[in-house]
Amino acid sequence: MFETPQNNPRLTLQVFLGFLLGIVIDLVCFFLSIMLGFAVALHRTWLYAAFNAAGLIVVGIVALRHFRESSYAQGIVIALSLGLLLDAACGVFLH
């Protein structure tokens, strides 16, 4: 499904930098979901995790579109996947 051509090897440094960028994107989505939750005055804490998951999924879809062209996108997808797993665990804990 995600085959790479032989003439375009993934550089480890680019994947690592994409991973760091993905962590920054995770944190931005986290803080935006908290601000959105405060703006609508949520009383159910698990909705913060749902807002964060929605943001991570949208950014992940955008990163998957560029998965074949860029090694950075591969690192971003890895970081967003780990962030989404952590977000799901927090959502279950808060529910």
N, C-alpha and C. Protein backbone atom coordinates (compact mmCIF):
# COMPACT_ATOMS: atom_id res chain seq x y z
N MET A 1 0.81 -1.18 0.00
CA MET A 1 0.00 0.00 0.00
C MET A 1 0.86 1.26 0.00
N PHE A 2 1.93 1.28 0.79
CA PHE A 2 2.81 2.43 0.86
C PHE A 2 4.20 2.05 0.36
N GLU A 3 4.29 1.55 -0.85
CA GLU A 3 5.58 1.18 -1.40
C GLU A 3 6.37 2.43 -1.75
N THR A 4 7.68 2.35 -1.55
CA THR A 4 8.54 3.47 -1.92
C THR A 4 9.38 3.06 -3.11
N PRO A 5 9.62 3.97 -4.04
CA PRO A 5 10.48 3.65 -5.17
C PRO A 5 11.92 3.46 -4.70
N GLN A 6 12.67 2.71 -5.45
CA GLN A 6 14.05 2.41 -5.08
C GLN A 6 14.96 3.63 -5.16
N ASN A 7 14.62 4.60 -5.99
CA ASN A 7 15.49 5.76 -6.15
C ASN A 7 15.20 6.86 -5.13
N ASN A 8 14.25 6.67 -4.21
CA ASN A 8 13.90 7.67 -3.22
C ASN A 8 13.99 7.06 -1.82
N PRO A 9 15.21 6.88 -1.29
CA PRO A 9 15.32 6.27 0.04
C PRO A 9 14.91 7.26 1.12
N ARG A 10 14.32 6.73 2.15
CA ARG A 10 13.91 7.56 3.29
C ARG A 10 15.15 7.86 4.14
N LEU A 11 15.37 9.12 4.35
CA LEU A 11 16.50 9.51 5.18
C LEU A 11 16.09 9.51 6.64
N THR A 12 16.91 8.91 7.47
CA THR A 12 16.60 8.78 8.88
C THR A 12 16.48 10.13 9.55
N LEU A 13 17.33 11.07 9.18
CA LEU A 13 17.27 12.40 9.78
C LEU A 13 15.97 13.11 9.43
N GLN A 14 15.52 12.97 8.20
CA GLN A 14 14.26 13.60 7.80
C GLN A 14 13.07 12.98 8.53
N VAL A 15 13.09 11.68 8.71
CA VAL A 15 12.01 11.01 9.45
C VAL A 15 12.03 11.48 10.90
N PHE A 16 13.21 11.61 11.49
CA PHE A 16 13.32 12.07 12.87
C PHE A 16 12.84 13.50 13.01
N LEU A 17 13.20 14.37 12.07
CA LEU A 17 12.74 15.76 12.11
C LEU A 17 11.22 15.84 11.90
N GLY A 18 10.69 14.98 11.05
CA GLY A 18 9.24 14.90 10.88
C GLY A 18 8.56 14.43 12.15
N PHE A 19 9.20 13.51 12.85
CA PHE A 19 8.67 13.03 14.13
C PHE A 19 8.62 14.17 15.15
N LEU A 20 9.68 14.98 15.21
CA LEU A 20 9.68 16.13 16.11
C LEU A 20 8.61 17.14 15.73
N LEU A 21 8.44 17.36 14.43
CA LEU A 21 7.38 18.25 13.97
C LEU A 21 6.00 17.69 14.34
N GLY A 22 5.85 16.39 14.26
CA GLY A 22 4.60 15.75 14.65
C GLY A 22 4.30 15.93 16.13
N ILE A 23 5.34 15.89 16.96
CA ILE A 23 5.15 16.13 18.39
C ILE A 23 4.69 17.56 18.64
N VAL A 24 5.27 18.51 17.90
CA VAL A 24 4.84 19.90 18.02
C VAL A 24 3.38 20.05 17.59
N ILE A 25 3.01 19.38 16.51
CA ILE A 25 1.63 19.42 16.04
C ILE A 25 0.69 18.80 17.08
N ASP A 26 1.13 17.71 17.72
CA ASP A 26 0.34 17.09 18.79
C ASP A 26 0.08 18.09 19.92
N LEU A 27 1.12 18.79 20.32
CA LEU A 27 0.97 19.75 21.42
C LEU A 27 0.07 20.92 21.03
N VAL A 28 0.19 21.39 19.79
CA VAL A 28 -0.67 22.48 19.33
C VAL A 28 -2.14 22.03 19.32
N CYS A 29 -2.40 20.83 18.82
CA CYS A 29 -3.78 20.31 18.83
C CYS A 29 -4.29 20.15 20.26
N PHE A 30 -3.43 19.74 21.15
CA PHE A 30 -3.81 19.57 22.56
C PHE A 30 -4.23 20.91 23.17
N PHE A 31 -3.41 21.95 22.98
CA PHE A 31 -3.73 23.25 23.56
C PHE A 31 -4.95 23.89 22.88
N LEU A 32 -5.10 23.67 21.58
CA LEU A 32 -6.28 24.19 20.90
C LEU A 32 -7.56 23.50 21.39
N SER A 33 -7.48 22.21 21.67
CA SER A 33 -8.66 21.50 22.17
C SER A 33 -9.01 21.97 23.58
N ILE A 34 -8.02 22.28 24.39
CA ILE A 34 -8.29 22.81 25.72
C ILE A 34 -8.93 24.18 25.63
N MET A 35 -8.40 25.06 24.75
CA MET A 35 -9.00 26.38 24.60
C MET A 35 -10.42 26.29 24.05
N LEU A 36 -10.65 25.38 23.11
CA LEU A 36 -12.00 25.19 22.57
C LEU A 36 -12.95 24.68 23.65
N GLY A 37 -12.46 23.77 24.48
CA GLY A 37 -13.27 23.26 25.57
C GLY A 37 -13.63 24.33 26.58
N PHE A 38 -12.68 25.22 26.89
CA PHE A 38 -12.98 26.32 27.80
C PHE A 38 -13.94 27.32 27.17
N ALA A 39 -13.83 27.51 25.86
CA ALA A 39 -14.69 28.47 25.18
C ALA A 39 -16.15 28.04 25.19
N VAL A 40 -16.40 26.74 25.06
CA VAL A 40 -17.78 26.26 25.07
C VAL A 40 -18.21 25.76 26.44
N ALA A 41 -17.35 25.94 27.44
CA ALA A 41 -17.64 25.60 28.84
C ALA A 41 -18.09 24.15 28.99
N LEU A 42 -17.21 23.24 28.63
CA LEU A 42 -17.53 21.82 28.74
C LEU A 42 -17.50 21.36 30.19
N HIS A 43 -18.46 20.54 30.53
CA HIS A 43 -18.49 19.96 31.87
C HIS A 43 -18.09 18.49 31.84
N ARG A 44 -18.01 17.95 30.66
CA ARG A 44 -17.57 16.55 30.52
C ARG A 44 -16.12 16.56 30.05
N THR A 45 -15.24 16.06 30.89
CA THR A 45 -13.81 16.16 30.60
C THR A 45 -13.37 15.27 29.44
N TRP A 46 -14.10 14.20 29.15
CA TRP A 46 -13.67 13.32 28.07
C TRP A 46 -13.83 13.98 26.70
N LEU A 47 -14.61 15.06 26.61
CA LEU A 47 -14.76 15.75 25.32
C LEU A 47 -13.48 16.47 24.91
N TYR A 48 -12.63 16.83 25.87
CA TYR A 48 -11.34 17.40 25.50
C TYR A 48 -10.52 16.42 24.67
N ALA A 49 -10.54 15.17 25.09
CA ALA A 49 -9.82 14.13 24.34
C ALA A 49 -10.46 13.91 22.98
N ALA A 50 -11.78 14.05 22.89
CA ALA A 50 -12.46 13.89 21.60
C ALA A 50 -12.10 15.02 20.65
N PHE A 51 -12.04 16.26 21.14
CA PHE A 51 -11.61 17.38 20.30
C PHE A 51 -10.17 17.20 19.83
N ASN A 52 -9.32 16.74 20.73
CA ASN A 52 -7.93 16.52 20.37
C ASN A 52 -7.81 15.42 19.32
N ALA A 53 -8.57 14.35 19.47
CA ALA A 53 -8.53 13.25 18.51
C ALA A 53 -9.01 13.72 17.13
N ALA A 54 -10.05 14.54 17.10
CA ALA A 54 -10.54 15.05 15.82
C ALA A 54 -9.47 15.88 15.11
N GLY A 55 -8.78 16.72 15.87
CA GLY A 55 -7.71 17.52 15.28
C GLY A 55 -6.56 16.68 14.78
N LEU A 56 -6.18 15.66 15.55
CA LEU A 56 -5.08 14.78 15.14
C LEU A 56 -5.44 13.97 13.89
N ILE A 57 -6.69 13.56 13.79
CA ILE A 57 -7.11 12.79 12.62
C ILE A 57 -7.08 13.66 11.38
N VAL A 58 -7.52 14.91 11.49
CA VAL A 58 -7.50 15.81 10.32
C VAL A 58 -6.07 16.06 9.86
N VAL A 59 -5.18 16.35 10.80
CA VAL A 59 -3.78 16.59 10.44
C VAL A 59 -3.14 15.31 9.89
N GLY A 60 -3.51 14.16 10.44
CA GLY A 60 -2.98 12.88 9.95
C GLY A 60 -3.40 12.59 8.53
N ILE A 61 -4.62 12.94 8.17
CA ILE A 61 -5.08 12.74 6.79
C ILE A 61 -4.28 13.61 5.83
N VAL A 62 -4.01 14.85 6.24
CA VAL A 62 -3.20 15.73 5.40
C VAL A 62 -1.79 15.17 5.25
N ALA A 63 -1.21 14.66 6.33
CA ALA A 63 0.14 14.09 6.26
C ALA A 63 0.17 12.83 5.41
N LEU A 64 -0.89 12.02 5.47
CA LEU A 64 -0.92 10.80 4.66
C LEU A 64 -0.97 11.09 3.17
N ARG A 65 -1.53 12.23 2.80
CA ARG A 65 -1.56 12.59 1.38
C ARG A 65 -0.15 12.84 0.83
N HIS A 66 0.76 13.27 1.69
CA HIS A 66 2.13 13.55 1.25
C HIS A 66 3.11 12.45 1.69
N PHE A 67 2.58 11.30 2.04
CA PHE A 67 3.40 10.21 2.58
C PHE A 67 4.44 9.72 1.58
N ARG A 68 4.08 9.62 0.32
CA ARG A 68 5.00 9.07 -0.68
C ARG A 68 6.07 10.06 -1.12
N GLU A 69 5.75 11.37 -1.05
CA GLU A 69 6.70 12.36 -1.55
C GLU A 69 7.74 12.78 -0.52
N SER A 70 7.44 12.65 0.75
CA SER A 70 8.29 13.26 1.77
C SER A 70 8.58 12.28 2.91
N SER A 71 9.83 12.28 3.34
CA SER A 71 10.20 11.50 4.52
C SER A 71 9.72 12.18 5.79
N TYR A 72 9.56 13.51 5.73
CA TYR A 72 9.04 14.23 6.88
C TYR A 72 7.63 13.76 7.21
N ALA A 73 6.84 13.51 6.18
CA ALA A 73 5.46 13.07 6.39
C ALA A 73 5.41 11.73 7.11
N GLN A 74 6.36 10.87 6.84
CA GLN A 74 6.39 9.58 7.53
C GLN A 74 6.61 9.78 9.03
N GLY A 75 7.53 10.66 9.40
CA GLY A 75 7.77 10.95 10.81
C GLY A 75 6.57 11.60 11.47
N ILE A 76 5.88 12.49 10.73
CA ILE A 76 4.69 13.14 11.26
C ILE A 76 3.59 12.11 11.52
N VAL A 77 3.41 11.18 10.59
CA VAL A 77 2.37 10.16 10.75
C VAL A 77 2.69 9.26 11.95
N ILE A 78 3.95 8.94 12.16
CA ILE A 78 4.33 8.12 13.32
C ILE A 78 4.02 8.86 14.61
N ALA A 79 4.39 10.13 14.69
CA ALA A 79 4.15 10.91 15.91
C ALA A 79 2.65 11.10 16.16
N LEU A 80 1.90 11.37 15.09
CA LEU A 80 0.46 11.56 15.27
C LEU A 80 -0.23 10.26 15.68
N SER A 81 0.26 9.14 15.18
CA SER A 81 -0.31 7.85 15.59
C SER A 81 -0.08 7.59 17.06
N LEU A 82 1.13 7.86 17.53
CA LEU A 82 1.41 7.68 18.96
C LEU A 82 0.61 8.66 19.80
N GLY A 83 0.47 9.88 19.33
CA GLY A 83 -0.33 10.87 20.05
C GLY A 83 -1.79 10.47 20.12
N LEU A 84 -2.30 9.89 19.04
CA LEU A 84 -3.70 9.45 19.02
C LEU A 84 -3.92 8.28 19.98
N LEU A 85 -2.95 7.38 20.06
CA LEU A 85 -3.05 6.28 21.03
C LEU A 85 -3.06 6.80 22.46
N LEU A 86 -2.19 7.75 22.75
CA LEU A 86 -2.14 8.35 24.08
C LEU A 86 -3.43 9.11 24.38
N ASP A 87 -3.95 9.79 23.36
CA ASP A 87 -5.20 10.53 23.52
C ASP A 87 -6.36 9.58 23.81
N ALA A 88 -6.40 8.44 23.14
CA ALA A 88 -7.46 7.46 23.40
C ALA A 88 -7.37 6.91 24.81
N ALA A 89 -6.15 6.67 25.29
CA ALA A 89 -5.98 6.19 26.66
C ALA A 89 -6.43 7.24 27.67
N CYS A 90 -6.13 8.50 27.40
CA CYS A 90 -6.57 9.56 28.31
C CYS A 90 -8.08 9.74 28.27
N GLY A 91 -8.67 9.60 27.08
CA GLY A 91 -10.12 9.70 26.95
C GLY A 91 -10.84 8.61 27.72
N VAL A 92 -10.30 7.39 27.69
CA VAL A 92 -10.90 6.29 28.45
C VAL A 92 -10.74 6.55 29.96
N PHE A 93 -9.59 7.07 30.35
CA PHE A 93 -9.37 7.35 31.76
C PHE A 93 -10.30 8.46 32.26
N LEU A 94 -10.54 9.48 31.42
CA LEU A 94 -11.38 10.61 31.85
C LEU A 94 -12.87 10.27 31.80
N HIS A 95 -13.23 9.24 31.08
CA HIS A 95 -14.65 8.90 30.96
C HIS A 95 -15.02 8.14 32.18
